[in-house]
Amino acid sequence: MFDGVPLHPLVVHAPLVLGVLAPVIALILWGAMAGRFLHHRVWWLVVFLYVVTFASAFVAVRTGQQEEDVVEEVLANHDALHAHEDRAKRFRLAVGGVLMLTVLTGFLFGNRKWGMRFAGLSVVAGAAAAWLALGVGHSGGLLVYQEGAANAYVTPADLPPDGAEDHEHD
């Protein structure tokens, strides 16, 4: 917990945003390298993005596991929680694979032809990981907004008094 807020919601956005953004940046850099506008050393930026994406995915999965027991107490549908966890682990595994592929690609640029081919493969693999990131985010949103996972952290003091109405939108 950080200032009364569980850590998981504070960290989950980083791997999801990076997971979608990294392949877009990789595609742009790959195109610029293909047009010989940028030197192949710029590819190490892509490697760096995937290092940060993988590290943040690791932290997100870890904090989710730490809060799992608390959230399970308020959920009627435990399958939704476990499906979200499975998707998150698949995403983390995919990002780890893309990270290894981007590192290999960086070293293959000793031969431009093979470096460019593997950079293209890295872009495609990154796009697949991005698709998984969207699935993780969607299933997490369903947990919070449809299954009531956030209720695990709501105390009676957070609720309005009985009979009180919310006039904020009048």
C-alpha atoms as a PDB file:
ATOM      1  CA  MET A   1       0.000   0.000   0.000  1.00  0.00           C
ATOM      2  CA  PHE A   2       1.122   3.529  -0.771  1.00  0.00           C
ATOM      3  CA  ASP A   3      -0.762   6.273   1.046  1.00  0.00           C
ATOM      4  CA  GLY A   4      -3.750   3.954   1.445  1.00  0.00           C
ATOM      5  CA  VAL A   5      -3.744   2.959  -2.231  1.00  0.00           C
ATOM      6  CA  PRO A   6      -2.746  -0.555  -3.308  1.00  0.00           C
ATOM      7  CA  LEU A   7       0.458  -0.586  -5.375  1.00  0.00           C
ATOM      8  CA  HIS A   8      -0.913  -2.628  -8.267  1.00  0.00           C
ATOM      9  CA  PRO A   9      -3.139   0.119  -9.752  1.00  0.00           C
ATOM     10  CA  LEU A  10      -0.240   2.553  -9.422  1.00  0.00           C
ATOM     11  CA  VAL A  11       2.155   0.465 -11.535  1.00  0.00           C
ATOM     12  CA  VAL A  12      -0.001  -1.395 -14.062  1.00  0.00           C
ATOM     13  CA  HIS A  13      -0.257   1.412 -16.570  1.00  0.00           C
ATOM     14  CA  ALA A  14       3.478   1.563 -17.296  1.00  0.00           C
ATOM     15  CA  PRO A  15       3.849  -1.905 -18.872  1.00  0.00           C
ATOM     16  CA  LEU A  16       0.573  -1.577 -20.762  1.00  0.00           C
ATOM     17  CA  VAL A  17       1.436   1.811 -22.266  1.00  0.00           C
ATOM     18  CA  LEU A  18       5.015   0.778 -23.019  1.00  0.00           C
ATOM     19  CA  GLY A  19       3.819  -2.550 -24.404  1.00  0.00           C
ATOM     20  CA  VAL A  20       1.750  -0.700 -27.008  1.00  0.00           C
ATOM     21  CA  LEU A  21       4.163   2.190 -27.587  1.00  0.00           C
ATOM     22  CA  ALA A  22       7.388   0.174 -27.968  1.00  0.00           C
ATOM     23  CA  PRO A  23       6.432  -1.631 -31.201  1.00  0.00           C
ATOM     24  CA  VAL A  24       5.226   1.644 -32.721  1.00  0.00           C
ATOM     25  CA  ILE A  25       8.586   3.262 -31.951  1.00  0.00           C
ATOM     26  CA  ALA A  26      10.378   0.134 -33.207  1.00  0.00           C
ATOM     27  CA  LEU A  27       8.436   0.328 -36.488  1.00  0.00           C
ATOM     28  CA  ILE A  28       9.318   3.994 -36.952  1.00  0.00           C
ATOM     29  CA  LEU A  29      13.001   3.392 -36.226  1.00  0.00           C
ATOM     30  CA  TRP A  30      13.067   0.302 -38.447  1.00  0.00           C
ATOM     31  CA  GLY A  31      11.652   2.363 -41.301  1.00  0.00           C
ATOM     32  CA  ALA A  32      14.156   5.149 -40.693  1.00  0.00           C
ATOM     33  CA  MET A  33      17.007   2.624 -40.673  1.00  0.00           C
ATOM     34  CA  ALA A  34      15.699   1.007 -43.860  1.00  0.00           C
ATOM     35  CA  GLY A  35      15.699   4.435 -45.521  1.00  0.00           C
ATOM     36  CA  ARG A  36      19.183   4.993 -44.147  1.00  0.00           C
ATOM     37  CA  PHE A  37      18.029   8.080 -42.248  1.00  0.00           C
ATOM     38  CA  LEU A  38      19.270   6.620 -38.960  1.00  0.00           C
ATOM     39  CA  HIS A  39      22.239   4.438 -38.061  1.00  0.00           C
ATOM     40  CA  HIS A  40      21.454   0.936 -36.813  1.00  0.00           C
ATOM     41  CA  ARG A  41      22.796   1.825 -33.348  1.00  0.00           C
ATOM     42  CA  VAL A  42      19.493   3.601 -32.710  1.00  0.00           C
ATOM     43  CA  TRP A  43      18.034   0.091 -32.365  1.00  0.00           C
ATOM     44  CA  TRP A  44      19.426  -0.008 -28.817  1.00  0.00           C
ATOM     45  CA  LEU A  45      16.694   2.487 -27.918  1.00  0.00           C
ATOM     46  CA  VAL A  46      14.183  -0.243 -28.775  1.00  0.00           C
ATOM     47  CA  VAL A  47      16.107  -2.660 -26.563  1.00  0.00           C
ATOM     48  CA  PHE A  48      15.976  -0.117 -23.736  1.00  0.00           C
ATOM     49  CA  LEU A  49      12.207   0.316 -24.180  1.00  0.00           C
ATOM     50  CA  TYR A  50      11.702  -3.428 -23.888  1.00  0.00           C
ATOM     51  CA  VAL A  51      13.954  -3.640 -20.821  1.00  0.00           C
ATOM     52  CA  VAL A  52      11.751  -1.050 -19.103  1.00  0.00           C
ATOM     53  CA  THR A  53       8.578  -2.733 -20.386  1.00  0.00           C
ATOM     54  CA  PHE A  54       9.683  -6.130 -19.086  1.00  0.00           C
ATOM     55  CA  ALA A  55      10.793  -4.739 -15.715  1.00  0.00           C
ATOM     56  CA  SER A  56       7.519  -2.873 -15.252  1.00  0.00           C
ATOM     57  CA  ALA A  57       5.514  -5.955 -16.312  1.00  0.00           C
ATOM     58  CA  PHE A  58       7.442  -7.979 -13.735  1.00  0.00           C
ATOM     59  CA  VAL A  59       6.569  -5.439 -11.012  1.00  0.00           C
ATOM     60  CA  ALA A  60       2.929  -5.292 -12.130  1.00  0.00           C
ATOM     61  CA  VAL A  61       2.527  -9.081 -11.987  1.00  0.00           C
ATOM     62  CA  ARG A  62       4.278  -9.189  -8.619  1.00  0.00           C
ATOM     63  CA  THR A  63       2.085  -6.477  -7.056  1.00  0.00           C
ATOM     64  CA  GLY A  64      -1.004  -8.138  -8.510  1.00  0.00           C
ATOM     65  CA  GLN A  65      -0.043 -11.419  -6.860  1.00  0.00           C
ATOM     66  CA  GLN A  66       0.513  -9.624  -3.549  1.00  0.00           C
ATOM     67  CA  GLU A  67      -3.005  -8.166  -3.660  1.00  0.00           C
ATOM     68  CA  GLU A  68      -4.753 -11.234  -5.054  1.00  0.00           C
ATOM     69  CA  ASP A  69      -5.960 -12.625  -1.716  1.00  0.00           C
ATOM     70  CA  VAL A  70      -7.482  -9.288  -0.656  1.00  0.00           C
ATOM     71  CA  VAL A  71      -9.316  -8.815  -3.949  1.00  0.00           C
ATOM     72  CA  GLU A  72     -10.539 -12.422  -4.055  1.00  0.00           C
ATOM     73  CA  GLU A  73     -12.488 -11.765  -0.846  1.00  0.00           C
ATOM     74  CA  VAL A  74     -14.854  -9.332  -2.617  1.00  0.00           C
ATOM     75  CA  LEU A  75     -15.201 -11.114  -5.958  1.00  0.00           C
ATOM     76  CA  ALA A  76     -17.979 -13.515  -6.760  1.00  0.00           C
ATOM     77  CA  ASN A  77     -16.230 -14.414 -10.036  1.00  0.00           C
ATOM     78  CA  HIS A  78     -12.772 -15.719  -9.145  1.00  0.00           C
ATOM     79  CA  ASP A  79     -12.342 -16.980 -12.708  1.00  0.00           C
ATOM     80  CA  ALA A  80     -12.132 -13.380 -13.954  1.00  0.00           C
ATOM     81  CA  LEU A  81      -9.264 -12.679 -11.560  1.00  0.00           C
ATOM     82  CA  HIS A  82      -7.382 -15.798 -12.584  1.00  0.00           C
ATOM     83  CA  ALA A  83      -7.958 -15.064 -16.286  1.00  0.00           C
ATOM     84  CA  HIS A  84      -6.498 -11.576 -15.753  1.00  0.00           C
ATOM     85  CA  GLU A  85      -3.498 -13.045 -13.954  1.00  0.00           C
ATOM     86  CA  ASP A  86      -2.937 -15.597 -16.742  1.00  0.00           C
ATOM     87  CA  ARG A  87      -3.108 -12.862 -19.389  1.00  0.00           C
ATOM     88  CA  ALA A  88      -0.642 -10.735 -17.438  1.00  0.00           C
ATOM     89  CA  LYS A  89       1.815 -13.626 -17.169  1.00  0.00           C
ATOM     90  CA  ARG A  90       1.502 -14.367 -20.906  1.00  0.00           C
ATOM     91  CA  PHE A  91       2.138 -10.695 -21.666  1.00  0.00           C
ATOM     92  CA  ARG A  92       5.211 -10.666 -19.414  1.00  0.00           C
ATOM     93  CA  LEU A  93       6.511 -13.821 -21.097  1.00  0.00           C
ATOM     94  CA  ALA A  94       5.879 -12.345 -24.562  1.00  0.00           C
ATOM     95  CA  VAL A  95       7.667  -9.112 -23.653  1.00  0.00           C
ATOM     96  CA  GLY A  96      10.586 -11.151 -22.340  1.00  0.00           C
ATOM     97  CA  GLY A  97      10.738 -12.957 -25.676  1.00  0.00           C
ATOM     98  CA  VAL A  98      10.585  -9.695 -27.623  1.00  0.00           C
ATOM     99  CA  LEU A  99      13.319  -8.283 -25.402  1.00  0.00           C
ATOM    100  CA  MET A 100      15.597 -11.234 -26.196  1.00  0.00           C
ATOM    101  CA  LEU A 101      14.793 -10.874 -29.900  1.00  0.00           C
ATOM    102  CA  THR A 102      15.577  -7.147 -29.887  1.00  0.00           C
ATOM    103  CA  VAL A 103      18.906  -7.765 -28.128  1.00  0.00           C
ATOM    104  CA  LEU A 104      19.804 -10.447 -30.695  1.00  0.00           C
ATOM    105  CA  THR A 105      18.803  -8.021 -33.443  1.00  0.00           C
ATOM    106  CA  GLY A 106      21.134  -5.371 -32.056  1.00  0.00           C
ATOM    107  CA  PHE A 107      24.053  -7.754 -32.353  1.00  0.00           C
ATOM    108  CA  LEU A 108      23.007  -8.965 -35.812  1.00  0.00           C
ATOM    109  CA  PHE A 109      23.408  -5.487 -37.277  1.00  0.00           C
ATOM    110  CA  GLY A 110      27.015  -6.427 -37.977  1.00  0.00           C
ATOM    111  CA  ASN A 111      25.357  -7.761 -41.118  1.00  0.00           C
ATOM    112  CA  ARG A 112      22.846  -5.128 -42.247  1.00  0.00           C
ATOM    113  CA  LYS A 113      20.698  -7.612 -44.186  1.00  0.00           C
ATOM    114  CA  TRP A 114      20.194  -9.917 -41.182  1.00  0.00           C
ATOM    115  CA  GLY A 115      19.876  -7.027 -38.754  1.00  0.00           C
ATOM    116  CA  MET A 116      17.067  -5.481 -40.788  1.00  0.00           C
ATOM    117  CA  ARG A 117      15.279  -8.816 -41.162  1.00  0.00           C
ATOM    118  CA  PHE A 118      15.388  -9.468 -37.438  1.00  0.00           C
ATOM    119  CA  ALA A 119      14.359  -5.885 -36.702  1.00  0.00           C
ATOM    120  CA  GLY A 120      11.256  -6.489 -38.820  1.00  0.00           C
ATOM    121  CA  LEU A 121      10.618  -9.732 -36.957  1.00  0.00           C
ATOM    122  CA  SER A 122      11.008  -7.816 -33.684  1.00  0.00           C
ATOM    123  CA  VAL A 123       8.407  -5.295 -34.810  1.00  0.00           C
ATOM    124  CA  VAL A 124       5.918  -8.080 -35.604  1.00  0.00           C
ATOM    125  CA  ALA A 125       6.621  -9.857 -32.298  1.00  0.00           C
ATOM    126  CA  GLY A 126       6.232  -6.550 -30.469  1.00  0.00           C
ATOM    127  CA  ALA A 127       2.863  -5.992 -32.150  1.00  0.00           C
ATOM    128  CA  ALA A 128       1.729  -9.424 -30.932  1.00  0.00           C
ATOM    129  CA  ALA A 129       2.852  -8.511 -27.400  1.00  0.00           C
ATOM    130  CA  ALA A 130       0.956  -5.206 -27.730  1.00  0.00           C
ATOM    131  CA  TRP A 131      -2.200  -7.169 -28.524  1.00  0.00           C
ATOM    132  CA  LEU A 132      -1.653  -9.152 -25.330  1.00  0.00           C
ATOM    133  CA  ALA A 133      -1.172  -5.885 -23.403  1.00  0.00           C
ATOM    134  CA  LEU A 134      -4.575  -4.691 -24.591  1.00  0.00           C
ATOM    135  CA  GLY A 135      -6.124  -7.938 -23.371  1.00  0.00           C
ATOM    136  CA  VAL A 136      -4.514  -7.548 -19.947  1.00  0.00           C
ATOM    137  CA  GLY A 137      -5.752  -3.983 -19.658  1.00  0.00           C
ATOM    138  CA  HIS A 138      -9.248  -4.968 -20.746  1.00  0.00           C
ATOM    139  CA  SER A 139      -9.500  -7.840 -18.277  1.00  0.00           C
ATOM    140  CA  GLY A 140      -8.165  -5.595 -15.492  1.00  0.00           C
ATOM    141  CA  GLY A 141     -10.764  -2.985 -16.322  1.00  0.00           C
ATOM    142  CA  LEU A 142     -13.500  -5.617 -16.191  1.00  0.00           C
ATOM    143  CA  LEU A 143     -12.265  -6.682 -12.752  1.00  0.00           C
ATOM    144  CA  VAL A 144     -12.424  -3.147 -11.410  1.00  0.00           C
ATOM    145  CA  TYR A 145     -15.542  -1.816 -13.103  1.00  0.00           C
ATOM    146  CA  GLN A 146     -17.749  -4.884 -13.557  1.00  0.00           C
ATOM    147  CA  GLU A 147     -16.588  -7.364 -10.935  1.00  0.00           C
ATOM    148  CA  GLY A 148     -16.029  -4.793  -8.161  1.00  0.00           C
ATOM    149  CA  ALA A 149     -12.362  -5.526  -7.401  1.00  0.00           C
ATOM    150  CA  ALA A 150     -11.855  -1.977  -6.121  1.00  0.00           C
ATOM    151  CA  ASN A 151     -14.362  -2.692  -3.349  1.00  0.00           C
ATOM    152  CA  ALA A 152     -11.616  -4.622  -1.578  1.00  0.00           C
ATOM    153  CA  TYR A 153     -10.121  -1.252  -0.657  1.00  0.00           C
ATOM    154  CA  VAL A 154     -13.287   0.688   0.165  1.00  0.00           C
ATOM    155  CA  THR A 155     -13.920   1.229   3.852  1.00  0.00           C
ATOM    156  CA  PRO A 156     -17.255   2.189   5.431  1.00  0.00           C
ATOM    157  CA  ALA A 157     -15.851   5.692   5.989  1.00  0.00           C
ATOM    158  CA  ASP A 158     -15.466   6.035   2.201  1.00  0.00           C
ATOM    159  CA  LEU A 159     -19.169   5.406   1.604  1.00  0.00           C
ATOM    160  CA  PRO A 160     -21.842   8.126   1.783  1.00  0.00           C
ATOM    161  CA  PRO A 161     -24.175   7.968   4.809  1.00  0.00           C
ATOM    162  CA  ASP A 162     -27.379   5.983   4.343  1.00  0.00           C
ATOM    163  CA  GLY A 163     -29.970   8.004   2.487  1.00  0.00           C
ATOM    164  CA  ALA A 164     -27.428  10.518   1.241  1.00  0.00           C
ATOM    165  CA  GLU A 165     -27.576  11.210  -2.457  1.00  0.00           C
ATOM    166  CA  ASP A 166     -24.854  12.282  -4.812  1.00  0.00           C
ATOM    167  CA  HIS A 167     -25.851  15.769  -6.002  1.00  0.00           C
ATOM    168  CA  GLU A 168     -22.549  16.378  -7.716  1.00  0.00           C
ATOM    169  CA  HIS A 169     -24.051  15.991 -11.191  1.00  0.00           C
ATOM    170  CA  ASP A 170     -27.300  17.935 -10.630  1.00  0.00           C
END
